[in-house]
Amino acid sequence: MRKELIKVLTAAVIAASIFVFPAEKSLAATAEAIDADVDRAIEIFKDIKGADNVLTKAKGILVFPIVLKAGLGIGGEFGEGALRINGKTVDYYNTAAASIGFQLGGQKKTIIIAFLDENALRRFRESSGWKIGADASVAVIAIGAGGAIDSASLNEPIVGVVFGQKGLMYNLTLEGAKITKIRKK
């Protein structure tokens, strides 16, 4: 009986994911495709009140335009993105995380991590792999009821914004996400 329930729930998550997450070209995409998705994500981000403050103060921004998360007891998420400094892509990265616990469903979101401190950006770029919460703390900026960014967090060296959540799971934490530099052509 338990095995049957697990099979049914697994099939439901897979079926829901097909409808919630249409085929995304950004996963395992070319550098050109990632850059185009990053451009679109930044334009959407600029529509959020207060985003200009984040972009102006940032020494660099790491943009993951499409991060997919799914779980059925065991969960995972993955996305690819680019680090921009002075408006230009300097490197490509992926983010991945795994979790265990009560979870069921899927989610698609955009993550922007802004390095507001030159030393924080330098340490990130010099690292071979970076785990949020272990290698650095990222203050997640809340988007208030009026759709505006809470500017009180802009005093932290690294801030993150999660937006565009679509799906059945809702989680604003970035804790535990592993970010790794990748090569793209």
N, C-alpha and C. Protein backbone atom coordinates (compact mmCIF):
# COMPACT_ATOMS: atom_id res chain seq x y z
N MET A 1 0.82 -1.19 0.00
CA MET A 1 0.00 0.00 0.00
C MET A 1 0.87 1.27 0.00
N ARG A 2 1.90 1.28 0.86
CA ARG A 2 2.78 2.45 0.95
C ARG A 2 3.53 2.66 -0.37
N LYS A 3 4.00 1.58 -1.00
CA LYS A 3 4.70 1.70 -2.28
C LYS A 3 3.78 2.26 -3.35
N GLU A 4 2.54 1.85 -3.33
CA GLU A 4 1.57 2.35 -4.30
C GLU A 4 1.34 3.85 -4.11
N LEU A 5 1.23 4.27 -2.86
CA LEU A 5 1.02 5.68 -2.56
C LEU A 5 2.22 6.50 -3.05
N ILE A 6 3.42 6.01 -2.81
CA ILE A 6 4.63 6.71 -3.27
C ILE A 6 4.63 6.81 -4.80
N LYS A 7 4.25 5.75 -5.48
CA LYS A 7 4.19 5.78 -6.94
C LYS A 7 3.18 6.80 -7.44
N VAL A 8 2.03 6.84 -6.80
CA VAL A 8 0.99 7.79 -7.21
C VAL A 8 1.45 9.22 -6.96
N LEU A 9 2.04 9.48 -5.79
CA LEU A 9 2.53 10.83 -5.49
C LEU A 9 3.66 11.24 -6.43
N THR A 10 4.56 10.33 -6.73
CA THR A 10 5.65 10.62 -7.67
C THR A 10 5.08 10.97 -9.04
N ALA A 11 4.13 10.20 -9.51
CA ALA A 11 3.51 10.48 -10.80
C ALA A 11 2.79 11.84 -10.79
N ALA A 12 2.16 12.17 -9.66
CA ALA A 12 1.46 13.46 -9.55
C ALA A 12 2.45 14.62 -9.61
N VAL A 13 3.59 14.48 -8.93
CA VAL A 13 4.61 15.55 -8.95
C VAL A 13 5.16 15.71 -10.35
N ILE A 14 5.46 14.61 -11.01
CA ILE A 14 5.99 14.69 -12.38
C ILE A 14 4.96 15.32 -13.31
N ALA A 15 3.72 14.91 -13.20
CA ALA A 15 2.67 15.47 -14.06
C ALA A 15 2.49 16.96 -13.78
N ALA A 16 2.46 17.33 -12.51
CA ALA A 16 2.31 18.75 -12.16
C ALA A 16 3.48 19.56 -12.67
N SER A 17 4.69 19.00 -12.57
CA SER A 17 5.88 19.71 -13.03
C SER A 17 5.84 19.98 -14.53
N ILE A 18 5.27 19.07 -15.29
CA ILE A 18 5.16 19.27 -16.73
C ILE A 18 4.31 20.48 -17.04
N PHE A 19 3.23 20.67 -16.27
CA PHE A 19 2.35 21.79 -16.52
C PHE A 19 2.86 23.08 -15.90
N VAL A 20 3.49 22.99 -14.73
CA VAL A 20 3.99 24.18 -14.05
C VAL A 20 5.25 24.70 -14.72
N PHE A 21 6.12 23.77 -15.18
CA PHE A 21 7.39 24.15 -15.78
C PHE A 21 7.43 23.71 -17.23
N PRO A 22 7.04 24.56 -18.16
CA PRO A 22 7.20 24.18 -19.56
C PRO A 22 8.70 24.06 -19.85
N ALA A 23 9.02 23.42 -20.95
CA ALA A 23 10.43 23.21 -21.31
C ALA A 23 11.17 24.54 -21.26
N GLU A 24 12.25 24.57 -20.52
CA GLU A 24 13.04 25.79 -20.36
C GLU A 24 14.37 25.62 -21.07
N LYS A 25 14.66 26.51 -22.00
CA LYS A 25 15.91 26.40 -22.75
C LYS A 25 17.12 26.76 -21.91
N SER A 26 16.92 27.39 -20.74
CA SER A 26 18.05 27.84 -19.95
C SER A 26 18.82 26.71 -19.28
N LEU A 27 18.18 25.59 -19.01
CA LEU A 27 18.88 24.48 -18.38
C LEU A 27 19.81 23.87 -19.40
N ALA A 28 21.08 23.74 -19.06
CA ALA A 28 22.12 23.24 -19.95
C ALA A 28 22.17 24.07 -21.23
N ALA A 29 22.01 25.35 -21.09
CA ALA A 29 21.94 26.26 -22.23
C ALA A 29 23.32 26.78 -22.61
N THR A 30 23.36 27.41 -23.76
CA THR A 30 24.59 28.06 -24.22
C THR A 30 24.77 29.38 -23.47
N ALA A 31 25.96 29.94 -23.55
CA ALA A 31 26.23 31.23 -22.93
C ALA A 31 25.27 32.29 -23.49
N GLU A 32 25.05 32.26 -24.77
CA GLU A 32 24.16 33.24 -25.41
C GLU A 32 22.74 33.13 -24.85
N ALA A 33 22.25 31.92 -24.67
CA ALA A 33 20.89 31.72 -24.15
C ALA A 33 20.81 32.17 -22.69
N ILE A 34 21.82 31.85 -21.90
CA ILE A 34 21.82 32.29 -20.50
C ILE A 34 21.84 33.81 -20.44
N ASP A 35 22.69 34.45 -21.24
CA ASP A 35 22.75 35.91 -21.24
C ASP A 35 21.40 36.54 -21.61
N ALA A 36 20.71 35.96 -22.58
CA ALA A 36 19.39 36.48 -22.97
C ALA A 36 18.39 36.34 -21.82
N ASP A 37 18.42 35.20 -21.14
CA ASP A 37 17.52 34.99 -19.99
C ASP A 37 17.87 35.93 -18.84
N VAL A 38 19.17 36.17 -18.62
CA VAL A 38 19.60 37.09 -17.58
C VAL A 38 19.13 38.51 -17.90
N ASP A 39 19.25 38.91 -19.16
CA ASP A 39 18.76 40.24 -19.57
C ASP A 39 17.28 40.40 -19.24
N ARG A 40 16.47 39.38 -19.59
CA ARG A 40 15.02 39.42 -19.32
C ARG A 40 14.76 39.48 -17.81
N ALA A 41 15.49 38.70 -17.04
CA ALA A 41 15.29 38.68 -15.58
C ALA A 41 15.61 40.05 -14.97
N ILE A 42 16.68 40.68 -15.44
CA ILE A 42 17.03 42.01 -14.92
C ILE A 42 15.96 43.03 -15.28
N GLU A 43 15.41 42.95 -16.48
CA GLU A 43 14.34 43.88 -16.87
C GLU A 43 13.10 43.70 -15.99
N ILE A 44 12.76 42.45 -15.69
CA ILE A 44 11.62 42.19 -14.79
C ILE A 44 11.93 42.70 -13.40
N PHE A 45 13.16 42.48 -12.93
CA PHE A 45 13.57 42.94 -11.62
C PHE A 45 13.48 44.46 -11.52
N LYS A 46 13.84 45.17 -12.57
CA LYS A 46 13.80 46.63 -12.57
C LYS A 46 12.39 47.18 -12.35
N ASP A 47 11.38 46.37 -12.64
CA ASP A 47 9.98 46.80 -12.44
C ASP A 47 9.58 46.80 -10.96
N ILE A 48 10.39 46.17 -10.11
CA ILE A 48 10.11 46.13 -8.68
C ILE A 48 10.62 47.43 -8.06
N LYS A 49 9.75 48.10 -7.31
CA LYS A 49 10.13 49.37 -6.69
C LYS A 49 11.30 49.15 -5.72
N GLY A 50 12.36 49.91 -5.90
CA GLY A 50 13.55 49.80 -5.06
C GLY A 50 14.66 48.97 -5.69
N ALA A 51 14.36 48.30 -6.79
CA ALA A 51 15.39 47.48 -7.47
C ALA A 51 16.54 48.34 -7.95
N ASP A 52 16.24 49.57 -8.37
CA ASP A 52 17.30 50.45 -8.85
C ASP A 52 18.33 50.73 -7.75
N ASN A 53 17.89 50.79 -6.47
CA ASN A 53 18.84 50.97 -5.36
C ASN A 53 19.79 49.78 -5.26
N VAL A 54 19.25 48.59 -5.42
CA VAL A 54 20.08 47.38 -5.35
C VAL A 54 21.08 47.40 -6.49
N LEU A 55 20.61 47.65 -7.71
CA LEU A 55 21.49 47.62 -8.88
C LEU A 55 22.55 48.72 -8.83
N THR A 56 22.20 49.87 -8.31
CA THR A 56 23.15 50.98 -8.22
C THR A 56 24.25 50.70 -7.20
N LYS A 57 23.90 50.10 -6.07
CA LYS A 57 24.88 49.83 -5.01
C LYS A 57 25.73 48.59 -5.29
N ALA A 58 25.25 47.72 -6.16
CA ALA A 58 25.92 46.43 -6.39
C ALA A 58 27.25 46.60 -7.11
N LYS A 59 28.27 45.91 -6.61
CA LYS A 59 29.56 45.83 -7.29
C LYS A 59 29.51 44.74 -8.36
N GLY A 60 28.57 43.82 -8.19
CA GLY A 60 28.34 42.74 -9.14
C GLY A 60 27.02 42.07 -8.79
N ILE A 61 26.35 41.51 -9.79
CA ILE A 61 25.11 40.78 -9.53
C ILE A 61 25.19 39.40 -10.18
N LEU A 62 24.77 38.41 -9.43
CA LEU A 62 24.71 37.04 -9.91
C LEU A 62 23.24 36.74 -10.14
N VAL A 63 22.90 36.45 -11.40
CA VAL A 63 21.49 36.28 -11.77
C VAL A 63 21.26 34.85 -12.23
N PHE A 64 20.31 34.19 -11.56
CA PHE A 64 19.83 32.88 -11.98
C PHE A 64 18.39 33.09 -12.46
N PRO A 65 18.19 33.25 -13.77
CA PRO A 65 16.86 33.60 -14.27
C PRO A 65 15.81 32.52 -14.08
N ILE A 66 16.24 31.26 -14.11
CA ILE A 66 15.29 30.16 -13.95
C ILE A 66 15.90 29.12 -13.02
N VAL A 67 15.32 29.00 -11.83
CA VAL A 67 15.72 27.96 -10.89
C VAL A 67 14.49 27.09 -10.66
N LEU A 68 14.63 25.81 -10.96
CA LEU A 68 13.53 24.87 -10.79
C LEU A 68 13.76 24.06 -9.53
N LYS A 69 12.68 23.90 -8.76
CA LYS A 69 12.74 23.13 -7.52
C LYS A 69 11.58 22.16 -7.51
N ALA A 70 11.86 20.92 -7.13
CA ALA A 70 10.80 19.91 -7.01
C ALA A 70 11.13 19.01 -5.84
N GLY A 71 10.08 18.46 -5.24
CA GLY A 71 10.32 17.58 -4.12
C GLY A 71 9.17 16.66 -3.83
N LEU A 72 9.54 15.50 -3.35
CA LEU A 72 8.59 14.52 -2.84
C LEU A 72 9.33 13.81 -1.71
N GLY A 73 9.34 14.43 -0.52
CA GLY A 73 10.13 13.92 0.59
C GLY A 73 11.58 14.34 0.45
N ILE A 74 12.19 14.00 -0.67
CA ILE A 74 13.53 14.46 -1.02
C ILE A 74 13.35 15.48 -2.13
N GLY A 75 14.01 16.62 -1.98
CA GLY A 75 13.85 17.67 -2.98
C GLY A 75 15.17 18.14 -3.53
N GLY A 76 15.08 18.84 -4.63
CA GLY A 76 16.28 19.41 -5.23
C GLY A 76 15.93 20.61 -6.06
N GLU A 77 16.93 21.45 -6.29
CA GLU A 77 16.72 22.59 -7.18
C GLU A 77 17.98 22.81 -7.99
N PHE A 78 17.80 23.41 -9.17
CA PHE A 78 18.91 23.64 -10.08
C PHE A 78 18.61 24.83 -10.98
N GLY A 79 19.66 25.59 -11.29
CA GLY A 79 19.53 26.68 -12.24
C GLY A 79 20.90 27.11 -12.72
N GLU A 80 20.93 27.78 -13.86
CA GLU A 80 22.18 28.33 -14.41
C GLU A 80 22.03 29.83 -14.56
N GLY A 81 23.15 30.55 -14.39
CA GLY A 81 23.08 31.99 -14.50
C GLY A 81 24.43 32.60 -14.79
N ALA A 82 24.48 33.92 -14.65
CA ALA A 82 25.69 34.66 -14.99
C ALA A 82 25.97 35.72 -13.94
N LEU A 83 27.27 35.98 -13.75
CA LEU A 83 27.72 37.07 -12.90
C LEU A 83 27.98 38.26 -13.80
N ARG A 84 27.35 39.38 -13.47
CA ARG A 84 27.53 40.62 -14.22
C ARG A 84 28.24 41.64 -13.36
N ILE A 85 29.27 42.25 -13.95
CA ILE A 85 29.97 43.36 -13.31
C ILE A 85 29.98 44.49 -14.33
N ASN A 86 29.53 45.66 -13.90
CA ASN A 86 29.39 46.82 -14.79
C ASN A 86 28.57 46.48 -16.03
N GLY A 87 27.54 45.67 -15.84
CA GLY A 87 26.63 45.35 -16.95
C GLY A 87 27.11 44.29 -17.91
N LYS A 88 28.28 43.72 -17.69
CA LYS A 88 28.84 42.72 -18.60
C LYS A 88 29.01 41.38 -17.89
N THR A 89 28.72 40.30 -18.61
CA THR A 89 28.91 38.96 -18.07
C THR A 89 30.40 38.67 -17.96
N VAL A 90 30.82 38.26 -16.74
CA VAL A 90 32.22 37.93 -16.53
C VAL A 90 32.42 36.42 -16.30
N ASP A 91 31.40 35.73 -15.81
CA ASP A 91 31.48 34.29 -15.57
C ASP A 91 30.08 33.70 -15.55
N TYR A 92 30.02 32.37 -15.71
CA TYR A 92 28.75 31.63 -15.64
C TYR A 92 28.80 30.69 -14.45
N TYR A 93 27.64 30.47 -13.83
CA TYR A 93 27.54 29.64 -12.63
C TYR A 93 26.28 28.79 -12.68
N ASN A 94 26.30 27.72 -11.87
CA ASN A 94 25.05 27.02 -11.63
C ASN A 94 24.81 27.00 -10.12
N THR A 95 23.57 26.81 -9.75
CA THR A 95 23.20 26.67 -8.35
C THR A 95 22.45 25.36 -8.21
N ALA A 96 22.75 24.67 -7.13
CA ALA A 96 22.08 23.40 -6.86
C ALA A 96 21.92 23.25 -5.35
N ALA A 97 20.83 22.64 -4.97
CA ALA A 97 20.58 22.38 -3.55
C ALA A 97 19.73 21.13 -3.43
N ALA A 98 19.88 20.46 -2.32
CA ALA A 98 19.07 19.28 -2.02
C ALA A 98 18.49 19.45 -0.62
N SER A 99 17.35 18.84 -0.40
CA SER A 99 16.72 18.92 0.92
C SER A 99 15.95 17.64 1.20
N ILE A 100 15.80 17.37 2.47
CA ILE A 100 15.04 16.21 2.92
C ILE A 100 14.04 16.70 3.95
N GLY A 101 12.85 16.19 3.89
CA GLY A 101 11.81 16.58 4.85
C GLY A 101 10.47 16.63 4.16
N PHE A 102 9.48 17.12 4.86
CA PHE A 102 8.14 17.18 4.29
C PHE A 102 8.10 18.22 3.17
N GLN A 103 7.93 17.76 1.98
CA GLN A 103 7.82 18.63 0.82
C GLN A 103 7.15 17.87 -0.31
N LEU A 104 6.34 18.56 -1.03
CA LEU A 104 5.64 17.96 -2.15
C LEU A 104 5.32 19.08 -3.13
N GLY A 105 5.76 18.93 -4.36
CA GLY A 105 5.42 19.93 -5.36
C GLY A 105 6.62 20.42 -6.13
N GLY A 106 6.40 21.52 -6.82
CA GLY A 106 7.44 22.09 -7.64
C GLY A 106 7.34 23.60 -7.66
N GLN A 107 8.41 24.26 -8.04
CA GLN A 107 8.45 25.72 -8.06
C GLN A 107 9.46 26.19 -9.09
N LYS A 108 9.16 27.32 -9.70
CA LYS A 108 10.07 28.00 -10.61
C LYS A 108 10.26 29.41 -10.07
N LYS A 109 11.52 29.84 -9.96
CA LYS A 109 11.77 31.16 -9.40
C LYS A 109 13.00 31.77 -10.05
N THR A 110 13.17 33.07 -9.84
CA THR A 110 14.36 33.80 -10.28
C THR A 110 15.10 34.26 -9.03
N ILE A 111 16.41 34.12 -9.04
CA ILE A 111 17.23 34.54 -7.90
C ILE A 111 18.27 35.55 -8.40
N ILE A 112 18.34 36.67 -7.71
CA ILE A 112 19.39 37.66 -7.96
C ILE A 112 20.15 37.86 -6.66
N ILE A 113 21.46 37.65 -6.72
CA ILE A 113 22.33 37.87 -5.58
C ILE A 113 23.20 39.07 -5.90
N ALA A 114 23.09 40.11 -5.07
CA ALA A 114 23.83 41.35 -5.30
C ALA A 114 24.97 41.45 -4.29
N PHE A 115 26.16 41.64 -4.81
CA PHE A 115 27.34 41.84 -3.98
C PHE A 115 27.51 43.34 -3.79
N LEU A 116 27.20 43.82 -2.58
CA LEU A 116 27.25 45.25 -2.31
C LEU A 116 28.59 45.68 -1.75
N ASP A 117 29.47 44.73 -1.53
CA ASP A 117 30.78 44.98 -0.96
C ASP A 117 31.84 44.37 -1.89
N GLU A 118 32.84 45.15 -2.23
CA GLU A 118 33.90 44.71 -3.15
C GLU A 118 34.63 43.47 -2.63
N ASN A 119 34.89 43.42 -1.31
CA ASN A 119 35.59 42.26 -0.73
C ASN A 119 34.74 41.00 -0.82
N ALA A 120 33.45 41.13 -0.61
CA ALA A 120 32.55 39.96 -0.72
C ALA A 120 32.55 39.44 -2.15
N LEU A 121 32.52 40.33 -3.12
CA LEU A 121 32.55 39.94 -4.52
C LEU A 121 33.88 39.25 -4.85
N ARG A 122 34.97 39.81 -4.37
CA ARG A 122 36.29 39.22 -4.62
C ARG A 122 36.39 37.82 -4.03
N ARG A 123 35.95 37.65 -2.77
CA ARG A 123 35.99 36.33 -2.13
C ARG A 123 35.14 35.33 -2.90
N PHE A 124 33.98 35.76 -3.38
CA PHE A 124 33.13 34.87 -4.17
C PHE A 124 33.83 34.43 -5.45
N ARG A 125 34.41 35.38 -6.16
CA ARG A 125 35.07 35.07 -7.44
C ARG A 125 36.30 34.20 -7.26
N GLU A 126 36.98 34.32 -6.13
CA GLU A 126 38.18 33.52 -5.88
C GLU A 126 37.88 32.11 -5.39
N SER A 127 36.65 31.87 -4.98
CA SER A 127 36.31 30.55 -4.44
C SER A 127 36.09 29.54 -5.57
N SER A 128 36.36 28.26 -5.26
CA SER A 128 36.15 27.21 -6.26
C SER A 128 34.71 26.72 -6.23
N GLY A 129 34.05 26.89 -5.13
CA GLY A 129 32.64 26.55 -4.96
C GLY A 129 32.17 27.31 -3.74
N TRP A 130 30.94 27.70 -3.74
CA TRP A 130 30.46 28.63 -2.71
C TRP A 130 29.13 28.11 -2.21
N LYS A 131 29.03 27.91 -0.91
CA LYS A 131 27.78 27.43 -0.32
C LYS A 131 27.20 28.52 0.56
N ILE A 132 25.97 28.91 0.24
CA ILE A 132 25.32 29.97 1.01
C ILE A 132 25.05 29.45 2.42
N GLY A 133 25.44 30.23 3.40
CA GLY A 133 25.27 29.84 4.79
C GLY A 133 26.55 29.30 5.38
N ALA A 134 27.38 28.66 4.57
CA ALA A 134 28.66 28.13 5.06
C ALA A 134 29.79 29.07 4.67
N ASP A 135 29.87 29.42 3.38
CA ASP A 135 30.94 30.29 2.90
C ASP A 135 30.60 31.76 3.03
N ALA A 136 29.33 32.07 3.02
CA ALA A 136 28.90 33.46 3.14
C ALA A 136 27.43 33.50 3.54
N SER A 137 27.08 34.56 4.21
CA SER A 137 25.69 34.78 4.58
C SER A 137 25.07 35.73 3.56
N VAL A 138 23.88 35.38 3.10
CA VAL A 138 23.16 36.22 2.15
C VAL A 138 21.87 36.68 2.82
N ALA A 139 21.71 37.99 2.94
CA ALA A 139 20.48 38.53 3.51
C ALA A 139 19.41 38.53 2.41
N VAL A 140 18.34 37.77 2.63
CA VAL A 140 17.26 37.72 1.65
C VAL A 140 16.39 38.96 1.84
N ILE A 141 16.24 39.73 0.77
CA ILE A 141 15.46 40.96 0.82
C ILE A 141 14.00 40.61 0.60
N ALA A 142 13.17 41.11 1.49
CA ALA A 142 11.73 40.89 1.36
C ALA A 142 11.15 41.91 0.39
N ILE A 143 10.20 41.45 -0.40
CA ILE A 143 9.43 42.36 -1.24
C ILE A 143 8.12 42.57 -0.52
N GLY A 144 7.88 43.80 -0.07
CA GLY A 144 6.74 44.11 0.77
C GLY A 144 5.40 44.03 0.05
N ALA A 145 4.36 44.30 0.83
CA ALA A 145 2.99 44.20 0.32
C ALA A 145 2.76 45.13 -0.87
N GLY A 146 3.42 46.27 -0.87
CA GLY A 146 3.27 47.21 -1.97
C GLY A 146 4.13 46.86 -3.17
N GLY A 147 4.80 45.72 -3.13
CA GLY A 147 5.66 45.30 -4.23
C GLY A 147 7.00 46.02 -4.25
N ALA A 148 7.40 46.57 -3.09
CA ALA A 148 8.65 47.32 -3.01
C ALA A 148 9.69 46.54 -2.20
N ILE A 149 10.95 46.75 -2.55
CA ILE A 149 12.05 46.11 -1.84
C ILE A 149 12.30 46.84 -0.53
N ASP A 150 12.49 46.07 0.54
CA ASP A 150 12.81 46.62 1.85
C ASP A 150 14.27 47.07 1.83
N SER A 151 14.51 48.35 1.77
CA SER A 151 15.86 48.87 1.62
C SER A 151 16.70 48.77 2.89
N ALA A 152 16.11 48.38 4.01
CA ALA A 152 16.87 48.25 5.26
C ALA A 152 17.96 47.20 5.14
N SER A 153 17.77 46.20 4.28
CA SER A 153 18.76 45.12 4.12
C SER A 153 19.95 45.54 3.27
N LEU A 154 19.91 46.69 2.66
CA LEU A 154 20.97 47.08 1.73
C LEU A 154 22.26 47.49 2.43
N ASN A 155 22.33 47.30 3.75
CA ASN A 155 23.56 47.56 4.48
C ASN A 155 24.40 46.29 4.62
N GLU A 156 23.87 45.16 4.19
CA GLU A 156 24.58 43.89 4.25
C GLU A 156 25.54 43.78 3.07
N PRO A 157 26.63 42.99 3.19
CA PRO A 157 27.58 42.87 2.08
C PRO A 157 27.02 42.11 0.87
N ILE A 158 26.13 41.14 1.14
CA ILE A 158 25.53 40.35 0.07
C ILE A 158 24.04 40.24 0.34
N VAL A 159 23.23 40.57 -0.65
CA VAL A 159 21.79 40.44 -0.51
C VAL A 159 21.24 39.61 -1.66
N GLY A 160 20.16 38.92 -1.38
CA GLY A 160 19.51 38.12 -2.40
C GLY A 160 18.05 38.47 -2.52
N VAL A 161 17.54 38.40 -3.74
CA VAL A 161 16.13 38.64 -4.00
C VAL A 161 15.60 37.43 -4.76
N VAL A 162 14.50 36.88 -4.28
CA VAL A 162 13.84 35.77 -4.94
C VAL A 162 12.49 36.29 -5.41
N PHE A 163 12.22 36.15 -6.70
CA PHE A 163 10.93 36.63 -7.21
C PHE A 163 10.45 35.75 -8.34
N GLY A 164 9.23 36.02 -8.76
CA GLY A 164 8.64 35.27 -9.88
C GLY A 164 8.29 33.85 -9.51
N GLN A 165 8.05 33.58 -8.20
CA GLN A 165 7.72 32.22 -7.81
C GLN A 165 6.47 31.75 -8.54
N LYS A 166 6.58 30.57 -9.12
CA LYS A 166 5.45 29.96 -9.80
C LYS A 166 5.47 28.49 -9.41
N GLY A 167 4.37 28.02 -8.90
CA GLY A 167 4.31 26.61 -8.54
C GLY A 167 3.71 26.39 -7.18
N LEU A 168 3.80 25.18 -6.72
CA LEU A 168 3.12 24.76 -5.51
C LEU A 168 3.95 24.89 -4.25
N MET A 169 5.26 25.09 -4.38
CA MET A 169 6.15 25.20 -3.24
C MET A 169 6.48 26.67 -3.03
N TYR A 170 6.59 27.08 -1.79
CA TYR A 170 6.97 28.48 -1.55
C TYR A 170 8.06 28.50 -0.50
N ASN A 171 9.21 28.99 -0.86
CA ASN A 171 10.33 29.00 0.06
C ASN A 171 11.28 30.12 -0.35
N LEU A 172 11.53 31.06 0.54
CA LEU A 172 12.40 32.18 0.22
C LEU A 172 13.83 31.98 0.69
N THR A 173 14.14 30.83 1.24
CA THR A 173 15.49 30.62 1.75
C THR A 173 16.47 30.31 0.62
N LEU A 174 17.68 30.78 0.78
CA LEU A 174 18.76 30.44 -0.14
C LEU A 174 19.78 29.57 0.58
N GLU A 175 19.58 29.37 1.87
CA GLU A 175 20.49 28.61 2.72
C GLU A 175 20.77 27.23 2.13
N GLY A 176 22.05 26.88 2.07
CA GLY A 176 22.43 25.55 1.60
C GLY A 176 22.64 25.43 0.11
N ALA A 177 22.30 26.46 -0.65
CA ALA A 177 22.50 26.40 -2.10
C ALA A 177 24.00 26.43 -2.41
N LYS A 178 24.44 25.56 -3.26
CA LYS A 178 25.84 25.48 -3.69
C LYS A 178 25.95 26.16 -5.05
N ILE A 179 26.87 27.09 -5.17
CA ILE A 179 27.06 27.83 -6.41
C ILE A 179 28.44 27.50 -6.95
N THR A 180 28.49 27.08 -8.21
CA THR A 180 29.73 26.63 -8.81
C THR A 180 29.93 27.29 -10.17
N LYS A 181 31.17 27.73 -10.43
CA LYS A 181 31.50 28.32 -11.72
C LYS A 181 31.48 27.23 -12.79
N ILE A 182 30.93 27.56 -13.95
CA ILE A 182 30.86 26.62 -15.06
C ILE A 182 31.41 27.29 -16.32
N ARG A 183 31.80 26.48 -17.28
CA ARG A 183 32.27 27.01 -18.56
C ARG A 183 31.15 26.91 -19.57
N LYS A 184 30.92 27.98 -20.29
CA LYS A 184 29.88 28.02 -21.31
C LYS A 184 30.47 28.55 -22.60
N LYS A 185 29.94 28.05 -23.70
CA LYS A 185 30.36 28.54 -25.02
C LYS A 185 29.22 29.24 -25.69
